[in-house]
Amino acid sequence: MKNLKVLILMFVVGAMLAGCSNNKLSDAYDEEKLKADSKEIVAMIDEEKFDDVIARMSDKIATSISVEQIKEVWNPMKEKLGAFKKISKEVVVGNDNLATVVVVADFEGGKAQFTITYNEEMQLEALYLK
């Protein structure tokens, strides 16, 4: 449980830093590419390809998280949610030099929200699962 709190705190701090500015998406980003990439990240998490998720993170984030930490967060959620059904909502917002995509996914047993923040190199700077 302590690791879960640390993991969530780390990602929340990243998301908060990303959210400290206006919501206009920088011209450096392609909204459709962000949405497509976010869908891939959600699929990787659902399929438990956590090494692939970490490989998509910036060095700053990747060195501070492990596959085990992601499992500790995702596995209890997955047990409650059941099988993936579809993506029901995607919202893209800009945050200075970052872009955040909020993806709501429907599962047999409920919904999950994935908040994914990217840098201009399309590397993950923050990831929050709720």
Protein backbone atom coordinates (compact mmCIF):
# COMPACT_ATOMS: atom_id res chain seq x y z
CA MET A 1 0.00 0.00 0.00
CA LYS A 2 2.90 2.36 0.76
CA ASN A 3 4.34 1.79 -2.71
CA LEU A 4 0.94 2.53 -4.22
CA LYS A 5 0.78 5.86 -2.42
CA VAL A 6 4.32 6.74 -3.53
CA LEU A 7 3.53 5.82 -7.13
CA ILE A 8 0.33 7.84 -7.17
CA LEU A 9 2.02 10.79 -5.47
CA MET A 10 4.84 10.77 -8.02
CA PHE A 11 2.42 10.87 -10.92
CA VAL A 12 0.13 13.42 -9.29
CA VAL A 13 3.07 15.78 -8.80
CA GLY A 14 3.97 15.35 -12.47
CA ALA A 15 0.39 16.03 -13.50
CA MET A 16 0.18 19.07 -11.22
CA LEU A 17 3.34 20.51 -12.72
CA ALA A 18 1.88 19.90 -16.13
CA GLY A 19 -1.34 21.66 -15.16
CA CYS A 20 0.15 24.97 -14.02
CA SER A 21 -0.52 26.96 -17.17
CA ASN A 22 -3.03 27.63 -19.94
CA ASN A 23 -4.91 24.85 -21.73
CA LYS A 24 -3.96 25.71 -25.31
CA LEU A 25 -2.20 22.87 -27.06
CA SER A 26 1.21 23.87 -28.40
CA ASP A 27 1.78 23.76 -32.16
CA ALA A 28 4.50 21.18 -31.44
CA TYR A 29 1.77 18.57 -30.90
CA ASP A 30 -0.68 16.80 -33.17
CA GLU A 31 -3.93 16.18 -31.27
CA GLU A 32 -4.81 13.06 -33.26
CA LYS A 33 -1.35 11.60 -32.70
CA LEU A 34 -1.69 12.25 -28.97
CA LYS A 35 -5.06 10.49 -28.88
CA ALA A 36 -3.76 7.51 -30.86
CA ASP A 37 -0.68 7.19 -28.67
CA SER A 38 -2.79 7.42 -25.51
CA LYS A 39 -4.98 4.59 -26.76
CA GLU A 40 -1.81 2.52 -27.23
CA ILE A 41 -0.71 3.29 -23.66
CA VAL A 42 -4.12 2.24 -22.31
CA ALA A 43 -3.93 -1.00 -24.33
CA MET A 44 -0.39 -1.69 -23.04
CA ILE A 45 -1.54 -1.24 -19.46
CA ASP A 46 -4.62 -3.41 -19.98
CA GLU A 47 -2.47 -6.12 -21.60
CA GLU A 48 0.06 -5.78 -18.75
CA LYS A 49 2.89 -4.75 -21.07
CA PHE A 50 4.37 -2.60 -18.33
CA ASP A 51 7.93 -2.74 -19.69
CA ASP A 52 6.62 -1.18 -22.90
CA VAL A 53 4.91 1.59 -20.92
CA ILE A 54 8.13 2.35 -19.03
CA ALA A 55 10.05 2.38 -22.33
CA ARG A 56 7.75 5.22 -23.49
CA MET A 57 8.53 7.36 -20.43
CA SER A 58 11.09 10.14 -20.22
CA ASP A 59 14.31 9.21 -18.44
CA LYS A 60 13.26 11.35 -15.47
CA ILE A 61 10.12 9.27 -14.90
CA ALA A 62 11.37 5.88 -16.11
CA THR A 63 14.20 5.77 -13.59
CA SER A 64 11.82 6.38 -10.70
CA ILE A 65 9.27 3.65 -11.39
CA SER A 66 9.31 -0.11 -11.75
CA VAL A 67 7.11 -2.71 -13.40
CA GLU A 68 6.20 -3.95 -9.91
CA GLN A 69 4.94 -0.51 -8.90
CA ILE A 70 2.70 -0.28 -11.94
CA LYS A 71 1.40 -3.80 -11.24
CA GLU A 72 0.59 -2.81 -7.66
CA VAL A 73 -1.61 -0.01 -8.97
CA TRP A 74 -3.13 -1.71 -12.02
CA ASN A 75 -3.80 -5.27 -10.85
CA PRO A 76 -6.36 -4.38 -8.12
CA MET A 77 -8.09 -2.01 -10.54
CA LYS A 78 -8.17 -4.66 -13.28
CA GLU A 79 -9.64 -7.25 -10.90
CA LYS A 80 -12.56 -4.92 -10.14
CA LEU A 81 -13.01 -3.62 -13.68
CA GLY A 82 -12.88 -6.86 -15.64
CA ALA A 83 -12.52 -6.98 -19.40
CA PHE A 84 -11.87 -3.86 -21.48
CA LYS A 85 -14.79 -2.77 -23.67
CA LYS A 86 -13.99 0.59 -25.29
CA ILE A 87 -12.61 4.10 -24.99
CA SER A 88 -15.57 6.33 -24.19
CA LYS A 89 -13.92 9.74 -23.91
CA GLU A 90 -10.67 11.53 -24.79
CA VAL A 91 -9.75 15.09 -23.91
CA VAL A 92 -6.49 16.79 -24.90
CA VAL A 93 -5.20 19.92 -23.18
CA GLY A 94 -1.98 21.86 -23.48
CA ASN A 95 0.26 22.86 -20.61
CA ASP A 96 3.07 25.11 -21.89
CA ASN A 97 5.51 22.64 -23.40
CA LEU A 98 3.51 19.57 -22.30
CA ALA A 99 0.29 17.96 -23.50
CA THR A 100 -2.10 15.98 -21.33
CA VAL A 101 -4.61 13.45 -22.59
CA VAL A 102 -7.39 12.23 -20.32
CA VAL A 103 -8.80 8.92 -21.51
CA VAL A 104 -11.90 7.34 -20.00
CA ALA A 105 -12.14 3.63 -20.73
CA ASP A 106 -15.18 1.42 -20.21
CA PHE A 107 -14.71 -2.03 -18.73
CA GLU A 108 -17.28 -4.71 -17.92
CA GLY A 109 -17.27 -3.71 -14.26
CA GLY A 110 -16.94 0.06 -14.52
CA LYS A 111 -14.82 2.89 -15.86
CA ALA A 112 -11.17 3.86 -15.47
CA GLN A 113 -9.53 7.20 -16.13
CA PHE A 114 -6.00 7.40 -17.53
CA THR A 115 -4.33 10.81 -17.40
CA ILE A 116 -1.25 10.77 -19.62
CA THR A 117 1.12 13.73 -19.97
CA TYR A 118 3.59 13.97 -22.86
CA ASN A 119 6.63 16.09 -23.58
CA GLU A 120 7.38 17.35 -27.10
CA GLU A 121 9.32 14.16 -27.87
CA MET A 122 6.11 12.17 -27.17
CA GLN A 123 7.61 10.66 -24.03
CA LEU A 124 5.44 10.21 -20.96
CA GLU A 125 6.10 12.78 -18.25
CA ALA A 126 3.21 11.71 -16.02
CA LEU A 127 0.75 8.85 -15.82
CA TYR A 128 -2.18 8.69 -13.43
CA LEU A 129 -4.62 5.79 -13.16
CA LYS A 130 -7.95 6.26 -11.44
